[in-house]
């Protein structure tokens, strides 16, 4: 019975350590800036790609003619 409680405590301690190690950096200022930059540039490129698919303009610089 005593070994069962020790195993549970060690498991909870391990899970808590993993949450703290991974979670502390998840919302840092640098990661938020990078995430916002990525979303902003992807939205800009999406507008260009939709214009190209509809035939309003040429392909974007990301288009690769060698790919099928």
PDB file of N, CA and C in Angstrom:
ATOM      1  N   UNK A   1       0.822  -1.195   0.000  1.00  0.00           N
ATOM      2  CA  UNK A   1       0.000   0.000   0.000  1.00  0.00           C
ATOM      3  C   UNK A   1       0.864   1.255   0.000  1.00  0.00           C
ATOM      4  N   UNK A   2       1.946   1.177   0.775  1.00  0.00           N
ATOM      5  CA  UNK A   2       2.836   2.327   0.857  1.00  0.00           C
ATOM      6  C   UNK A   2       3.535   2.587  -0.482  1.00  0.00           C
ATOM      7  N   UNK A   3       3.897   1.508  -1.179  1.00  0.00           N
ATOM      8  CA  UNK A   3       4.542   1.636  -2.487  1.00  0.00           C
ATOM      9  C   UNK A   3       3.610   2.244  -3.534  1.00  0.00           C
ATOM     10  N   UNK A   4       2.325   1.959  -3.406  1.00  0.00           N
ATOM     11  CA  UNK A   4       1.335   2.503  -4.324  1.00  0.00           C
ATOM     12  C   UNK A   4       1.263   4.029  -4.191  1.00  0.00           C
ATOM     13  N   UNK A   5       1.273   4.534  -2.977  1.00  0.00           N
ATOM     14  CA  UNK A   5       1.230   5.978  -2.754  1.00  0.00           C
ATOM     15  C   UNK A   5       2.510   6.654  -3.227  1.00  0.00           C
ATOM     16  N   UNK A   6       3.635   6.007  -3.038  1.00  0.00           N
ATOM     17  CA  UNK A   6       4.910   6.572  -3.501  1.00  0.00           C
ATOM     18  C   UNK A   6       4.918   6.663  -5.023  1.00  0.00           C
ATOM     19  N   UNK A   7       4.401   5.650  -5.684  1.00  0.00           N
ATOM     20  CA  UNK A   7       4.326   5.677  -7.150  1.00  0.00           C
ATOM     21  C   UNK A   7       3.415   6.798  -7.630  1.00  0.00           C
ATOM     22  N   UNK A   8       2.296   6.990  -6.949  1.00  0.00           N
ATOM     23  CA  UNK A   8       1.375   8.074  -7.333  1.00  0.00           C
ATOM     24  C   UNK A   8       2.009   9.447  -7.126  1.00  0.00           C
ATOM     25  N   UNK A   9       2.679   9.612  -6.016  1.00  0.00           N
ATOM     26  CA  UNK A   9       3.329  10.897  -5.729  1.00  0.00           C
ATOM     27  C   UNK A   9       4.428  11.179  -6.753  1.00  0.00           C
ATOM     28  N   UNK A  10       5.229  10.168  -7.070  1.00  0.00           N
ATOM     29  CA  UNK A  10       6.281  10.356  -8.079  1.00  0.00           C
ATOM     30  C   UNK A  10       5.689  10.679  -9.445  1.00  0.00           C
ATOM     31  N   UNK A  11       4.595  10.019  -9.795  1.00  0.00           N
ATOM     32  CA  UNK A  11       3.941  10.287 -11.075  1.00  0.00           C
ATOM     33  C   UNK A  11       3.415  11.728 -11.125  1.00  0.00           C
ATOM     34  N   UNK A  12       2.747  12.166 -10.068  1.00  0.00           N
ATOM     35  CA  UNK A  12       2.243  13.539 -10.024  1.00  0.00           C
ATOM     36  C   UNK A  12       3.379  14.555 -10.038  1.00  0.00           C
ATOM     37  N   UNK A  13       4.463  14.243  -9.361  1.00  0.00           N
ATOM     38  CA  UNK A  13       5.624  15.125  -9.361  1.00  0.00           C
ATOM     39  C   UNK A  13       6.226  15.231 -10.759  1.00  0.00           C
ATOM     40  N   UNK A  14       6.306  14.114 -11.462  1.00  0.00           N
ATOM     41  CA  UNK A  14       6.832  14.114 -12.830  1.00  0.00           C
ATOM     42  C   UNK A  14       5.926  14.916 -13.761  1.00  0.00           C
ATOM     43  N   UNK A  15       4.629  14.716 -13.661  1.00  0.00           N
ATOM     44  CA  UNK A  15       3.683  15.459 -14.502  1.00  0.00           C
ATOM     45  C   UNK A  15       3.749  16.951 -14.186  1.00  0.00           C
ATOM     46  N   UNK A  16       3.818  17.293 -12.916  1.00  0.00           N
ATOM     47  CA  UNK A  16       3.925  18.704 -12.533  1.00  0.00           C
ATOM     48  C   UNK A  16       5.199  19.344 -13.056  1.00  0.00           C
ATOM     49  N   UNK A  17       6.298  18.625 -13.002  1.00  0.00           N
ATOM     50  CA  UNK A  17       7.563  19.146 -13.524  1.00  0.00           C
ATOM     51  C   UNK A  17       7.484  19.368 -15.029  1.00  0.00           C
ATOM     52  N   UNK A  18       6.869  18.435 -15.747  1.00  0.00           N
ATOM     53  CA  UNK A  18       6.736  18.592 -17.202  1.00  0.00           C
ATOM     54  C   UNK A  18       5.853  19.785 -17.556  1.00  0.00           C
ATOM     55  N   UNK A  19       4.770  19.964 -16.819  1.00  0.00           N
ATOM     56  CA  UNK A  19       3.865  21.095 -17.082  1.00  0.00           C
ATOM     57  C   UNK A  19       4.583  22.415 -16.839  1.00  0.00           C
ATOM     58  N   UNK A  20       5.323  22.510 -15.776  1.00  0.00           N
ATOM     59  CA  UNK A  20       6.044  23.746 -15.478  1.00  0.00           C
ATOM     60  C   UNK A  20       7.144  23.991 -16.509  1.00  0.00           C
ATOM     61  N   UNK A  21       7.871  22.952 -16.893  1.00  0.00           N
ATOM     62  CA  UNK A  21       8.970  23.114 -17.847  1.00  0.00           C
ATOM     63  C   UNK A  21       8.468  23.524 -19.220  1.00  0.00           C
ATOM     64  N   UNK A  22       7.376  22.947 -19.671  1.00  0.00           N
ATOM     65  CA  UNK A  22       6.850  23.257 -21.005  1.00  0.00           C
ATOM     66  C   UNK A  22       6.001  24.508 -20.982  1.00  0.00           C
ATOM     67  N   UNK A  23       5.229  24.700 -19.945  1.00  0.00           N
ATOM     68  CA  UNK A  23       4.267  25.787 -19.889  1.00  0.00           C
ATOM     69  C   UNK A  23       4.847  27.150 -19.605  1.00  0.00           C
ATOM     70  N   UNK A  24       5.984  27.228 -18.965  1.00  0.00           N
ATOM     71  CA  UNK A  24       6.537  28.534 -18.601  1.00  0.00           C
ATOM     72  C   UNK A  24       6.929  29.359 -19.813  1.00  0.00           C
ATOM     73  N   UNK A  25       7.379  28.709 -20.867  1.00  0.00           N
ATOM     74  CA  UNK A  25       7.854  29.424 -22.041  1.00  0.00           C
ATOM     75  C   UNK A  25       6.781  29.546 -23.118  1.00  0.00           C
ATOM     76  N   UNK A  26       5.608  28.977 -22.901  1.00  0.00           N
ATOM     77  CA  UNK A  26       4.590  28.946 -23.940  1.00  0.00           C
ATOM     78  C   UNK A  26       4.032  30.329 -24.255  1.00  0.00           C
ATOM     79  N   UNK A  27       3.979  31.224 -23.298  1.00  0.00           N
ATOM     80  CA  UNK A  27       3.388  32.541 -23.513  1.00  0.00           C
ATOM     81  C   UNK A  27       4.395  33.659 -23.275  1.00  0.00           C
ATOM     82  N   UNK A  28       5.647  33.412 -23.603  1.00  0.00           N
ATOM     83  CA  UNK A  28       6.656  34.450 -23.436  1.00  0.00           C
ATOM     84  C   UNK A  28       6.463  35.528 -24.502  1.00  0.00           C
ATOM     85  N   UNK A  29       7.023  36.673 -24.266  1.00  0.00           N
ATOM     86  CA  UNK A  29       6.868  37.797 -25.195  1.00  0.00           C
ATOM     87  C   UNK A  29       7.469  37.467 -26.563  1.00  0.00           C
ATOM     88  N   UNK A  30       8.597  36.801 -26.582  1.00  0.00           N
ATOM     89  CA  UNK A  30       9.248  36.460 -27.841  1.00  0.00           C
ATOM     90  C   UNK A  30       8.386  35.485 -28.654  1.00  0.00           C
ATOM     91  N   UNK A  31       7.818  34.488 -28.003  1.00  0.00           N
ATOM     92  CA  UNK A  31       6.975  33.530 -28.725  1.00  0.00           C
ATOM     93  C   UNK A  31       5.698  34.186 -29.215  1.00  0.00           C
ATOM     94  N   UNK A  32       5.132  35.089 -28.444  1.00  0.00           N
ATOM     95  CA  UNK A  32       3.927  35.794 -28.890  1.00  0.00           C
ATOM     96  C   UNK A  32       4.216  36.681 -30.085  1.00  0.00           C
ATOM     97  N   UNK A  33       5.364  37.382 -30.077  1.00  0.00           N
ATOM     98  CA  UNK A  33       5.745  38.205 -31.230  1.00  0.00           C
ATOM     99  C   UNK A  33       5.910  37.349 -32.477  1.00  0.00           C
ATOM    100  N   UNK A  34       6.583  36.216 -32.332  1.00  0.00           N
ATOM    101  CA  UNK A  34       6.804  35.314 -33.461  1.00  0.00           C
ATOM    102  C   UNK A  34       5.484  34.756 -33.981  1.00  0.00           C
ATOM    103  N   UNK A  35       4.572  34.397 -33.073  1.00  0.00           N
ATOM    104  CA  UNK A  35       3.276  33.866 -33.476  1.00  0.00           C
ATOM    105  C   UNK A  35       2.469  34.923 -34.220  1.00  0.00           C
ATOM    106  N   UNK A  36       2.453  36.159 -33.712  1.00  0.00           N
ATOM    107  CA  UNK A  36       1.716  37.228 -34.385  1.00  0.00           C
ATOM    108  C   UNK A  36       2.303  37.550 -35.752  1.00  0.00           C
ATOM    109  N   UNK A  37       3.647  37.542 -35.854  1.00  0.00           N
ATOM    110  CA  UNK A  37       4.301  37.788 -37.139  1.00  0.00           C
ATOM    111  C   UNK A  37       3.929  36.704 -38.138  1.00  0.00           C
ATOM    112  N   UNK A  38       3.928  35.459 -37.702  1.00  0.00           N
ATOM    113  CA  UNK A  38       3.605  34.347 -38.595  1.00  0.00           C
ATOM    114  C   UNK A  38       2.170  34.437 -39.079  1.00  0.00           C
ATOM    115  N   UNK A  39       1.250  34.715 -38.184  1.00  0.00           N
ATOM    116  CA  UNK A  39      -0.156  34.823 -38.573  1.00  0.00           C
ATOM    117  C   UNK A  39      -0.345  35.978 -39.550  1.00  0.00           C
ATOM    118  N   UNK A  40       0.286  37.121 -39.280  1.00  0.00           N
ATOM    119  CA  UNK A  40       0.138  38.288 -40.143  1.00  0.00           C
ATOM    120  C   UNK A  40       0.686  38.014 -41.544  1.00  0.00           C
ATOM    121  N   UNK A  41       1.866  37.428 -41.643  1.00  0.00           N
ATOM    122  CA  UNK A  41       2.439  37.168 -42.966  1.00  0.00           C
ATOM    123  C   UNK A  41       1.663  36.084 -43.697  1.00  0.00           C
ATOM    124  N   UNK A  42       1.165  35.068 -42.982  1.00  0.00           N
ATOM    125  CA  UNK A  42       0.372  34.025 -43.632  1.00  0.00           C
ATOM    126  C   UNK A  42      -0.926  34.588 -44.185  1.00  0.00           C
ATOM    127  N   UNK A  43      -1.564  35.497 -43.465  1.00  0.00           N
ATOM    128  CA  UNK A  43      -2.794  36.112 -43.970  1.00  0.00           C
ATOM    129  C   UNK A  43      -2.516  36.962 -45.201  1.00  0.00           C
ATOM    130  N   UNK A  44      -1.396  37.688 -45.216  1.00  0.00           N
ATOM    131  CA  UNK A  44      -1.037  38.473 -46.392  1.00  0.00           C
ATOM    132  C   UNK A  44      -0.795  37.572 -47.597  1.00  0.00           C
ATOM    133  N   UNK A  45      -0.118  36.482 -47.384  1.00  0.00           N
ATOM    134  CA  UNK A  45       0.156  35.560 -48.488  1.00  0.00           C
ATOM    135  C   UNK A  45      -1.112  34.854 -48.947  1.00  0.00           C
ATOM    136  N   UNK A  46      -2.045  34.605 -48.033  1.00  0.00           N
ATOM    137  CA  UNK A  46      -3.285  33.949 -48.401  1.00  0.00           C
ATOM    138  C   UNK A  46      -4.097  34.817 -49.354  1.00  0.00           C
ATOM    139  N   UNK A  47      -4.105  36.118 -49.142  1.00  0.00           N
ATOM    140  CA  UNK A  47      -4.818  37.027 -50.043  1.00  0.00           C
ATOM    141  C   UNK A  47      -4.217  36.951 -51.435  1.00  0.00           C
ATOM    142  N   UNK A  48      -2.890  36.948 -51.532  1.00  0.00           N
ATOM    143  CA  UNK A  48      -2.229  36.838 -52.834  1.00  0.00           C
ATOM    144  C   UNK A  48      -2.542  35.507 -53.506  1.00  0.00           C
ATOM    145  N   UNK A  49      -2.561  34.425 -52.734  1.00  0.00           N
ATOM    146  CA  UNK A  49      -2.844  33.110 -53.298  1.00  0.00           C
ATOM    147  C   UNK A  49      -4.284  32.999 -53.786  1.00  0.00           C
ATOM    148  N   UNK A  50      -5.226  33.582 -53.060  1.00  0.00           N
ATOM    149  CA  UNK A  50      -6.627  33.551 -53.498  1.00  0.00           C
ATOM    150  C   UNK A  50      -6.789  34.360 -54.776  1.00  0.00           C
ATOM    151  N   UNK A  51      -6.126  35.501 -54.877  1.00  0.00           N
ATOM    152  CA  UNK A  51      -6.169  36.289 -56.112  1.00  0.00           C
ATOM    153  C   UNK A  51      -5.622  35.493 -57.287  1.00  0.00           C
ATOM    154  N   UNK A  52      -4.555  34.719 -57.062  1.00  0.00           N
ATOM    155  CA  UNK A  52      -3.967  33.926 -58.133  1.00  0.00           C
ATOM    156  C   UNK A  52      -4.904  32.794 -58.551  1.00  0.00           C
ATOM    157  N   UNK A  53      -5.533  32.121 -57.558  1.00  0.00           N
ATOM    158  CA  UNK A  53      -6.446  31.024 -57.872  1.00  0.00           C
ATOM    159  C   UNK A  53      -7.640  31.543 -58.665  1.00  0.00           C
ATOM    160  N   UNK A  54      -8.121  32.729 -58.339  1.00  0.00           N
ATOM    161  CA  UNK A  54      -9.256  33.304 -59.063  1.00  0.00           C
ATOM    162  C   UNK A  54      -8.847  33.913 -60.401  1.00  0.00           C
ATOM    163  N   UNK A  55      -7.567  34.009 -60.670  1.00  0.00           N
ATOM    164  CA  UNK A  55      -7.096  34.512 -61.958  1.00  0.00           C
ATOM    165  C   UNK A  55      -6.913  36.010 -62.018  1.00  0.00           C
ATOM    166  N   UNK A  56      -6.906  36.688 -60.880  1.00  0.00           N
ATOM    167  CA  UNK A  56      -6.762  38.134 -60.865  1.00  0.00           C
ATOM    168  C   UNK A  56      -5.313  38.582 -60.989  1.00  0.00           C
ATOM    169  N   UNK A  57      -4.364  37.724 -60.636  1.00  0.00           N
ATOM    170  CA  UNK A  57      -2.950  38.092 -60.702  1.00  0.00           C
ATOM    171  C   UNK A  57      -2.110  36.845 -60.954  1.00  0.00           C
ATOM    172  N   UNK A  58      -0.804  37.045 -61.099  1.00  0.00           N
ATOM    173  CA  UNK A  58       0.113  35.931 -61.311  1.00  0.00           C
ATOM    174  C   UNK A  58       0.399  35.188 -60.018  1.00  0.00           C
ATOM    175  N   UNK A  59       1.155  34.109 -60.097  1.00  0.00           N
ATOM    176  CA  UNK A  59       1.465  33.346 -58.891  1.00  0.00           C
ATOM    177  C   UNK A  59       2.358  34.132 -57.936  1.00  0.00           C
ATOM    178  N   UNK A  60       2.311  33.769 -56.672  1.00  0.00           N
ATOM    179  CA  UNK A  60       3.141  34.433 -55.681  1.00  0.00           C
ATOM    180  C   UNK A  60       4.567  33.919 -55.780  1.00  0.00           C
ATOM    181  N   UNK A  61       5.454  34.536 -55.023  1.00  0.00           N
ATOM    182  CA  UNK A  61       6.848  34.122 -55.049  1.00  0.00           C
ATOM    183  C   UNK A  61       7.052  32.758 -54.404  1.00  0.00           C
ATOM    184  N   UNK A  62       6.057  32.263 -53.681  1.00  0.00           N
ATOM    185  CA  UNK A  62       6.157  30.944 -53.067  1.00  0.00           C
ATOM    186  C   UNK A  62       5.796  29.818 -54.030  1.00  0.00           C
ATOM    187  N   UNK A  63       5.248  30.129 -55.191  1.00  0.00           N
ATOM    188  CA  UNK A  63       4.825  29.108 -56.140  1.00  0.00           C
ATOM    189  C   UNK A  63       6.045  28.495 -56.814  1.00  0.00           C
ATOM    190  N   UNK A  64       6.063  27.178 -56.878  1.00  0.00           N
ATOM    191  CA  UNK A  64       7.171  26.459 -57.477  1.00  0.00           C
ATOM    192  C   UNK A  64       6.621  25.649 -58.650  1.00  0.00           C
ATOM    193  N   UNK A  65       7.037  25.975 -59.860  1.00  0.00           N
ATOM    194  CA  UNK A  65       6.511  25.315 -61.055  1.00  0.00           C
ATOM    195  C   UNK A  65       6.980  23.877 -61.185  1.00  0.00           C
ATOM    196  N   UNK A  66       8.032  23.501 -60.495  1.00  0.00           N
ATOM    197  CA  UNK A  66       8.538  22.138 -60.624  1.00  0.00           C
ATOM    198  C   UNK A  66       7.704  21.150 -59.835  1.00  0.00           C
ATOM    199  N   UNK A  67       6.899  21.618 -58.912  1.00  0.00           N
ATOM    200  CA  UNK A  67       6.045  20.715 -58.126  1.00  0.00           C
ATOM    201  C   UNK A  67       4.763  20.450 -58.876  1.00  0.00           C
ATOM    202  N   UNK A  68       4.241  19.224 -58.768  1.00  0.00           N
ATOM    203  CA  UNK A  68       2.990  18.879 -59.500  1.00  0.00           C
ATOM    204  C   UNK A  68       1.779  19.568 -58.933  1.00  0.00           C
TER     205      UNK A  68
END
